[in-house]
């Protein structure tokens, strides 16, 4: 092997080693970079996920209908159920004076929502709920039912098999019920017969309605839109951002809505503490602040011990021996701990995370935390809206 060829092979191996190191570094970069980008992306949300376009709204529909084929689980002799089936038969050319008592039918209310983009011939899901004393709608068929809007106009017609997410079985000796067998769904059971007109532009502009109204979020949203389309957006109040349609999108409102809907905005979340006393759930937003405050808590436990005694009558009396049952009540109260929250987690429980840590260090239950948060709010030390459900 000549020195020249040996030198070429050496250079080739060195190049291969450098290339391998380059690939390794790129692989590590691809794995590490998302760790820095994800927190930034999670703080922002698209405008389309924060707002609704004024004019693009759903409308509620409802109607009265009859479900048949219930195998003895329908309504008993109820006047409006009987009139409903008699009217249905009459539309088919069948005249009857009264309905039978087989309990195979049930009167129901049928409800649905028609969206802003529903067109004639599109399908809707409908919900069917019993309004009589039917035991179950399982296996039933909803007869043709017109669905009306608030203006009294028919916008859809529903019909089809009812699907329920529950069951009911048993007899007079016992009964087993799972979920609600008297409420069901007819999937794609309604045909749209009339479209709902929707207008989204007014004077060549549209309004974005914030789902969680906030002045700072509205201003941020207007600034974000203006960064892409200068001078088009203005926050009119905390719940509305007015956007003028640029000339390059003239006659292309849908394209413009899609364009601004993909813009990212970091919403400002108001400081709130929400307490659900029924479930014992406490939810606090990140911006909750609390001033230094001292808290004392204690538990009270009551023990009831049943006792049995004997009552003996006096000698030569007419009385009889009797058993006397009673209870001894014992109350145990734990010694309260009066501790300052700002010393539990220096430099003070100022954020919701530090507040949670401080309360957890006190060893409190959810019920006790609820009472303490109410007291802190009354003391003026909780800078947040306290909502109790």
Protein backbone atom coordinates (compact mmCIF):
# COMPACT_ATOMS: atom_id res chain seq x y z
CA UNK A 1 0.00 0.00 0.00
CA UNK A 2 1.47 3.36 -1.00
CA UNK A 3 1.73 6.26 1.54
CA UNK A 4 -0.72 8.27 -0.54
CA UNK A 5 -3.45 5.65 -0.40
CA UNK A 6 -2.87 5.14 3.36
CA UNK A 7 -3.29 8.88 3.93
CA UNK A 8 -6.58 8.87 1.96
CA UNK A 9 -8.01 6.01 4.02
CA UNK A 10 -7.06 7.85 7.22
CA UNK A 11 -8.85 10.99 6.07
CA UNK A 12 -11.92 8.94 5.17
CA UNK A 13 -12.05 7.41 8.67
CA UNK A 14 -11.65 10.85 10.27
CA UNK A 15 -14.50 12.21 8.16
CA UNK A 16 -16.68 9.25 9.16
CA UNK A 17 -15.98 9.86 12.85
CA UNK A 18 -16.86 13.58 12.53
CA UNK A 19 -20.05 12.73 10.65
CA UNK A 20 -21.06 10.24 13.35
CA UNK A 21 -20.49 12.86 16.06
CA UNK A 22 -22.55 15.35 14.07
CA UNK A 23 -25.46 12.91 13.79
CA UNK A 24 -25.23 12.17 17.51
CA UNK A 25 -25.30 15.87 18.40
CA UNK A 26 -28.31 16.50 16.16
CA UNK A 27 -30.12 13.57 17.75
CA UNK A 28 -29.51 14.98 21.24
CA UNK A 29 -30.59 18.44 20.11
CA UNK A 30 -33.85 17.07 18.72
CA UNK A 31 -34.57 15.43 22.05
CA UNK A 32 -33.59 18.38 24.27
CA UNK A 33 -35.07 21.25 22.24
CA UNK A 34 -38.74 20.22 22.79
CA UNK A 35 -38.14 20.38 26.55
CA UNK A 36 -37.56 24.12 26.21
CA UNK A 37 -40.21 24.76 23.57
CA UNK A 38 -43.11 22.83 25.13
CA UNK A 39 -43.50 25.10 28.22
CA UNK A 40 -43.61 28.13 25.94
CA UNK A 41 -46.19 26.54 23.65
CA UNK A 42 -48.34 25.38 26.57
CA UNK A 43 -48.68 28.96 27.81
CA UNK A 44 -50.30 30.10 24.57
CA UNK A 45 -53.57 29.14 22.93
CA UNK A 46 -55.03 29.70 19.50
CA UNK A 47 -57.57 32.47 19.07
CA UNK A 48 -60.07 29.93 17.71
CA UNK A 49 -59.88 28.06 21.04
CA UNK A 50 -60.49 31.20 23.08
CA UNK A 51 -63.29 32.88 21.16
CA UNK A 52 -66.49 32.44 19.22
CA UNK A 53 -67.32 34.46 16.13
CA UNK A 54 -70.44 36.55 16.67
CA UNK A 55 -73.21 35.14 14.49
CA UNK A 56 -71.82 31.58 14.46
CA UNK A 57 -74.06 30.04 17.08
CA UNK A 58 -76.11 26.91 17.64
CA UNK A 59 -79.89 26.92 18.09
CA UNK A 60 -81.98 24.57 20.19
CA UNK A 61 -84.78 22.48 18.72
CA UNK A 62 -87.47 20.48 20.47
CA UNK A 63 -90.55 18.42 19.70
CA UNK A 64 -93.10 16.00 21.14
CA UNK A 65 -92.91 12.43 19.95
CA UNK A 66 -93.98 8.83 20.49
CA UNK A 67 -91.68 5.84 21.04
CA UNK A 68 -93.12 2.44 20.16
CA UNK A 69 -92.07 -1.19 20.63
CA UNK A 70 -91.31 -1.06 24.36
CA UNK A 71 -92.50 -4.58 25.23
CA UNK A 72 -94.66 -3.65 28.22
CA UNK A 73 -92.28 -1.04 29.65
CA UNK A 74 -94.04 2.04 28.24
CA UNK A 75 -96.57 4.46 29.71
CA UNK A 76 -99.68 3.27 31.47
CA UNK A 77 -103.03 4.81 30.52
CA UNK A 78 -101.98 8.49 30.25
CA UNK A 79 -104.17 10.88 28.29
CA UNK A 80 -101.47 12.71 26.29
CA UNK A 81 -99.78 9.42 25.38
CA UNK A 82 -103.07 7.99 24.13
CA UNK A 83 -103.87 11.16 22.15
CA UNK A 84 -100.39 11.13 20.64
CA UNK A 85 -100.63 7.61 19.25
CA UNK A 86 -104.21 8.19 18.07
CA UNK A 87 -103.09 11.29 16.14
CA UNK A 88 -100.20 9.34 14.64
CA UNK A 89 -102.57 6.60 13.49
CA UNK A 90 -104.97 9.16 12.05
CA UNK A 91 -102.23 10.61 9.83
CA UNK A 92 -101.91 7.11 8.39
CA UNK A 93 -105.65 6.95 7.67
CA UNK A 94 -106.48 4.77 10.70
CA UNK A 95 -109.24 6.01 12.95
CA UNK A 96 -109.52 4.62 16.49
CA UNK A 97 -111.54 5.71 19.50
CA UNK A 98 -109.00 4.60 22.13
CA UNK A 99 -105.60 3.00 22.41
CA UNK A 100 -104.92 -0.40 23.99
CA UNK A 101 -103.35 -0.90 27.41
CA UNK A 102 -100.33 -2.94 26.37
CA UNK A 103 -97.79 -0.32 27.57
CA UNK A 104 -95.81 -0.64 24.37
CA UNK A 105 -95.66 3.10 23.72
CA UNK A 106 -94.27 6.12 25.59
CA UNK A 107 -94.61 9.87 25.21
CA UNK A 108 -91.25 11.60 24.91
CA UNK A 109 -89.67 15.00 24.43
CA UNK A 110 -87.14 15.15 21.61
CA UNK A 111 -84.37 17.77 21.72
CA UNK A 112 -81.45 18.63 19.44
CA UNK A 113 -79.04 21.42 18.57
CA UNK A 114 -78.65 22.70 15.03
CA UNK A 115 -75.26 24.27 14.35
CA UNK A 116 -74.53 27.41 12.35
CA UNK A 117 -73.18 25.43 9.40
CA UNK A 118 -75.91 22.77 9.21
CA UNK A 119 -77.24 22.56 5.66
CA UNK A 120 -80.44 21.13 4.27
CA UNK A 121 -80.12 17.35 4.24
CA UNK A 122 -77.40 17.10 6.91
CA UNK A 123 -77.96 14.89 9.96
CA UNK A 124 -78.27 15.69 13.67
CA UNK A 125 -78.15 13.62 16.84
CA UNK A 126 -81.30 13.87 18.95
CA UNK A 127 -81.96 13.15 22.63
CA UNK A 128 -85.16 11.40 23.64
CA UNK A 129 -86.52 11.59 27.22
CA UNK A 130 -89.68 10.10 28.66
CA UNK A 131 -92.30 12.48 30.05
CA UNK A 132 -94.71 9.78 31.26
CA UNK A 133 -94.27 6.82 33.62
CA UNK A 134 -92.47 4.49 31.24
CA UNK A 135 -90.01 2.10 32.89
CA UNK A 136 -87.56 2.06 29.99
CA UNK A 137 -87.10 3.17 26.38
CA UNK A 138 -84.91 0.19 25.58
CA UNK A 139 -85.57 -1.27 22.15
CA UNK A 140 -87.99 1.49 21.18
CA UNK A 141 -88.43 3.28 17.85
CA UNK A 142 -89.05 7.01 17.70
CA UNK A 143 -91.83 7.84 15.26
CA UNK A 144 -91.43 10.76 12.88
CA UNK A 145 -91.22 13.90 15.01
CA UNK A 146 -90.95 17.49 13.73
CA UNK A 147 -88.43 19.60 15.65
CA UNK A 148 -89.18 23.29 16.03
CA UNK A 149 -87.12 26.30 17.00
CA UNK A 150 -88.02 29.17 19.32
CA UNK A 151 -89.76 30.90 16.38
CA UNK A 152 -92.16 27.96 15.91
CA UNK A 153 -90.67 26.96 12.54
CA UNK A 154 -89.81 23.32 11.79
CA UNK A 155 -86.06 22.99 11.15
CA UNK A 156 -85.59 19.21 11.33
CA UNK A 157 -87.51 15.93 11.43
CA UNK A 158 -86.38 13.06 13.68
CA UNK A 159 -87.04 9.33 13.51
CA UNK A 160 -85.18 6.12 14.29
CA UNK A 161 -84.20 3.50 16.90
CA UNK A 162 -83.51 4.75 20.41
CA UNK A 163 -80.20 3.78 22.01
CA UNK A 164 -79.99 4.03 25.79
CA UNK A 165 -76.96 3.85 28.05
CA UNK A 166 -78.76 2.11 30.91
CA UNK A 167 -81.05 -0.78 31.75
CA UNK A 168 -83.81 -1.68 34.16
CA UNK A 169 -84.83 -5.21 35.12
CA UNK A 170 -86.79 -6.84 37.93
CA UNK A 171 -90.26 -7.43 39.29
CA UNK A 172 -92.37 -6.52 42.28
CA UNK A 173 -89.89 -8.27 44.58
CA UNK A 174 -86.86 -6.31 43.44
CA UNK A 175 -85.48 -4.13 40.70
CA UNK A 176 -82.03 -3.36 39.30
CA UNK A 177 -81.41 -0.13 37.42
CA UNK A 178 -78.22 1.09 35.73
CA UNK A 179 -77.98 4.76 34.74
CA UNK A 180 -81.19 6.26 33.28
CA UNK A 181 -83.12 3.89 30.99
CA UNK A 182 -85.77 6.55 30.29
CA UNK A 183 -83.35 8.80 28.38
CA UNK A 184 -81.87 7.76 25.05
CA UNK A 185 -80.12 8.95 21.91
CA UNK A 186 -80.99 8.59 18.25
CA UNK A 187 -77.67 8.91 16.48
CA UNK A 188 -77.97 10.90 13.23
CA UNK A 189 -81.69 10.57 13.73
CA UNK A 190 -82.79 13.97 12.43
CA UNK A 191 -82.71 15.40 8.91
CA UNK A 192 -82.26 19.15 8.58
CA UNK A 193 -85.15 20.56 6.54
CA UNK A 194 -84.49 24.28 6.99
CA UNK A 195 -81.17 26.10 7.35
CA UNK A 196 -80.55 28.72 10.03
CA UNK A 197 -79.27 31.94 8.49
CA UNK A 198 -76.09 33.25 10.14
CA UNK A 199 -74.47 36.64 9.53
CA UNK A 200 -70.92 37.15 10.86
CA UNK A 201 -69.83 40.39 9.19
CA UNK A 202 -71.15 43.85 10.01
CA UNK A 203 -69.77 46.87 8.10
CA UNK A 204 -66.89 44.79 6.74
CA UNK A 205 -65.84 43.67 10.24
CA UNK A 206 -66.49 40.80 12.61
CA UNK A 207 -66.57 40.42 16.39
CA UNK A 208 -64.63 37.81 18.34
CA UNK A 209 -66.46 36.93 21.58
CA UNK A 210 -64.15 35.77 24.37
CA UNK A 211 -65.37 32.63 26.11
CA UNK A 212 -63.75 33.84 29.35
CA UNK A 213 -64.03 37.64 29.22
CA UNK A 214 -60.96 39.46 30.46
CA UNK A 215 -59.69 42.95 29.60
CA UNK A 216 -56.01 41.99 29.45
CA UNK A 217 -56.69 38.93 27.30
CA UNK A 218 -58.77 41.00 24.89
CA UNK A 219 -55.98 43.59 24.55
CA UNK A 220 -53.37 40.85 23.99
CA UNK A 221 -55.58 39.28 21.34
CA UNK A 222 -56.01 42.57 19.48
CA UNK A 223 -52.24 43.16 19.58
CA UNK A 224 -51.56 39.65 18.25
CA UNK A 225 -53.93 40.17 15.31
CA UNK A 226 -52.42 43.60 14.58
CA UNK A 227 -48.95 42.05 14.43
CA UNK A 228 -50.12 40.08 11.38
CA UNK A 229 -52.69 42.52 9.99
CA UNK A 230 -51.78 46.02 11.22
CA UNK A 231 -54.57 48.35 12.26
CA UNK A 232 -57.39 45.82 11.93
CA UNK A 233 -58.17 44.74 15.54
CA UNK A 234 -59.50 46.69 18.52
CA UNK A 235 -60.60 45.42 21.92
CA UNK A 236 -63.95 47.16 22.43
CA UNK A 237 -64.37 45.68 25.93
CA UNK A 238 -63.23 42.70 27.98
CA UNK A 239 -65.44 40.31 26.05
CA UNK A 240 -65.28 41.53 22.43
CA UNK A 241 -62.47 42.11 19.94
CA UNK A 242 -63.59 43.83 16.74
CA UNK A 243 -61.58 42.93 13.63
CA UNK A 244 -61.89 44.71 10.28
CA UNK A 245 -61.44 42.48 7.23
CA UNK A 246 -58.33 43.55 5.26
CA UNK A 247 -58.59 44.34 1.58
CA UNK A 248 -56.57 41.26 0.63
CA UNK A 249 -59.35 39.13 2.16
CA UNK A 250 -62.25 40.93 0.48
CA UNK A 251 -64.94 38.37 -0.25
CA UNK A 252 -62.96 35.71 1.65
CA UNK A 253 -64.39 35.95 5.16
CA UNK A 254 -63.95 32.25 5.87
CA UNK A 255 -60.27 32.37 4.89
CA UNK A 256 -59.71 35.40 7.12
CA UNK A 257 -61.41 33.75 10.12
CA UNK A 258 -59.22 30.69 9.59
CA UNK A 259 -56.10 32.86 9.37
CA UNK A 260 -56.67 34.79 12.59
CA UNK A 261 -57.94 31.68 14.36
CA UNK A 262 -54.50 30.07 14.14
CA UNK A 263 -52.73 33.02 15.84
CA UNK A 264 -51.39 32.18 19.30
CA UNK A 265 -52.30 34.31 22.30
CA UNK A 266 -51.33 33.84 25.93
CA UNK A 267 -54.57 34.38 27.89
CA UNK A 268 -54.56 36.01 31.29
CA UNK A 269 -56.29 33.82 33.87
CA UNK A 270 -58.02 35.62 36.73
CA UNK A 271 -57.14 34.66 40.30
CA UNK A 272 -59.87 32.29 41.48
CA UNK A 273 -60.30 29.60 44.11
CA UNK A 274 -63.23 27.30 43.34
CA UNK A 275 -64.54 24.98 46.06
CA UNK A 276 -67.07 22.21 45.52
CA UNK A 277 -68.32 21.25 48.98
CA UNK A 278 -70.29 18.27 47.67
CA UNK A 279 -67.24 16.51 46.22
CA UNK A 280 -64.56 18.08 48.40
CA UNK A 281 -62.69 19.49 45.40
CA UNK A 282 -60.59 22.65 45.56
CA UNK A 283 -59.20 24.24 42.38
CA UNK A 284 -57.01 27.35 42.38
CA UNK A 285 -55.55 29.25 39.44
CA UNK A 286 -51.89 30.17 39.17
CA UNK A 287 -52.37 33.89 39.90
CA UNK A 288 -53.81 33.39 43.39
CA UNK A 289 -51.88 35.45 45.95
CA UNK A 290 -52.13 35.43 49.72
CA UNK A 291 -50.79 37.89 52.29
CA UNK A 292 -48.89 36.62 55.35
CA UNK A 293 -51.45 35.17 57.73
CA UNK A 294 -51.52 32.86 60.77
CA UNK A 295 -53.85 29.88 60.91
CA UNK A 296 -54.95 27.64 63.78
CA UNK A 297 -56.93 24.45 63.30
CA UNK A 298 -58.16 21.67 65.54
CA UNK A 299 -60.28 18.55 65.24
CA UNK A 300 -63.16 17.58 67.46
CA UNK A 301 -64.03 13.88 67.79
CA UNK A 302 -67.11 12.59 69.61
CA UNK A 303 -67.29 8.96 70.75
CA UNK A 304 -70.69 7.46 71.64
CA UNK A 305 -70.42 4.28 73.72
CA UNK A 306 -73.69 2.37 74.25
CA UNK A 307 -74.28 1.11 77.82
CA UNK A 308 -76.77 -1.28 79.32
CA UNK A 309 -78.02 -1.14 82.95
CA UNK A 310 -80.53 -2.95 85.16
CA UNK A 311 -83.23 -1.23 87.20
CA UNK A 312 -84.34 -3.20 90.27
CA UNK A 313 -87.63 -2.37 92.03
CA UNK A 314 -87.77 -1.67 95.79
CA UNK A 315 -88.46 -4.66 98.06
CA UNK A 316 -92.11 -5.61 98.42
CA UNK A 317 -93.07 -3.16 95.66
CA UNK A 318 -95.21 -3.82 92.58
CA UNK A 319 -92.37 -3.01 90.17
CA UNK A 320 -90.43 -5.35 87.88
CA UNK A 321 -86.81 -5.63 86.87
CA UNK A 322 -86.08 -3.68 83.66
CA UNK A 323 -83.12 -3.17 81.32
CA UNK A 324 -82.04 0.43 80.73
CA UNK A 325 -80.03 1.25 77.63
CA UNK A 326 -78.06 4.44 77.32
CA UNK A 327 -74.98 6.05 75.79
CA UNK A 328 -71.88 7.66 77.22
CA UNK A 329 -70.64 10.59 75.13
CA UNK A 330 -66.95 11.43 75.15
CA UNK A 331 -65.53 14.50 73.39
CA UNK A 332 -61.89 14.65 72.39
CA UNK A 333 -60.52 17.89 70.97
CA UNK A 334 -57.05 18.09 69.49
CA UNK A 335 -54.88 20.98 70.56
CA UNK A 336 -54.95 23.72 67.93
CA UNK A 337 -51.78 24.82 66.19
CA UNK A 338 -51.46 28.54 65.55
CA UNK A 339 -48.84 28.84 62.83
CA UNK A 340 -47.94 31.55 60.37
CA UNK A 341 -48.14 30.47 56.77
CA UNK A 342 -45.34 32.84 55.73
CA UNK A 343 -42.90 30.90 57.93
CA UNK A 344 -43.80 27.46 56.65
CA UNK A 345 -42.24 27.93 53.26
CA UNK A 346 -39.92 30.99 53.20
CA UNK A 347 -40.10 33.67 51.95
CA UNK A 348 -43.85 33.32 52.50
CA UNK A 349 -46.87 31.54 51.04
CA UNK A 350 -47.44 34.04 48.28
CA UNK A 351 -48.45 31.80 45.38
CA UNK A 352 -50.99 29.02 45.07
CA UNK A 353 -48.25 26.38 45.01
CA UNK A 354 -46.71 27.69 48.22
CA UNK A 355 -50.15 28.05 49.78
CA UNK A 356 -50.96 24.42 48.99
CA UNK A 357 -47.62 23.33 50.45
CA UNK A 358 -48.23 25.36 53.60
CA UNK A 359 -51.73 23.96 54.15
CA UNK A 360 -50.51 20.42 53.50
CA UNK A 361 -47.80 20.89 56.14
CA UNK A 362 -50.55 21.63 58.66
CA UNK A 363 -51.99 18.18 57.94
CA UNK A 364 -55.44 19.49 57.04
CA UNK A 365 -58.30 17.66 55.40
CA UNK A 366 -60.16 19.06 52.40
CA UNK A 367 -63.06 20.13 54.61
CA UNK A 368 -60.69 21.99 56.94
CA UNK A 369 -58.92 23.64 53.99
CA UNK A 370 -62.29 24.86 52.74
CA UNK A 371 -63.08 26.45 56.09
CA UNK A 372 -59.61 28.01 56.34
CA UNK A 373 -59.78 29.49 52.83
CA UNK A 374 -63.14 31.04 53.67
CA UNK A 375 -61.67 32.57 56.83
CA UNK A 376 -58.59 33.86 54.99
CA UNK A 377 -60.87 35.48 52.41
CA UNK A 378 -62.95 37.11 55.15
CA UNK A 379 -59.75 38.40 56.72
CA UNK A 380 -58.84 40.10 53.44
CA UNK A 381 -55.62 38.12 53.03
CA UNK A 382 -56.72 36.10 49.96
CA UNK A 383 -56.31 38.15 46.80
CA UNK A 384 -58.58 36.04 44.64
CA UNK A 385 -62.23 35.43 43.92
CA UNK A 386 -63.57 32.67 46.15
CA UNK A 387 -66.33 30.63 44.48
CA UNK A 388 -68.20 28.00 46.48
CA UNK A 389 -70.46 25.60 44.63
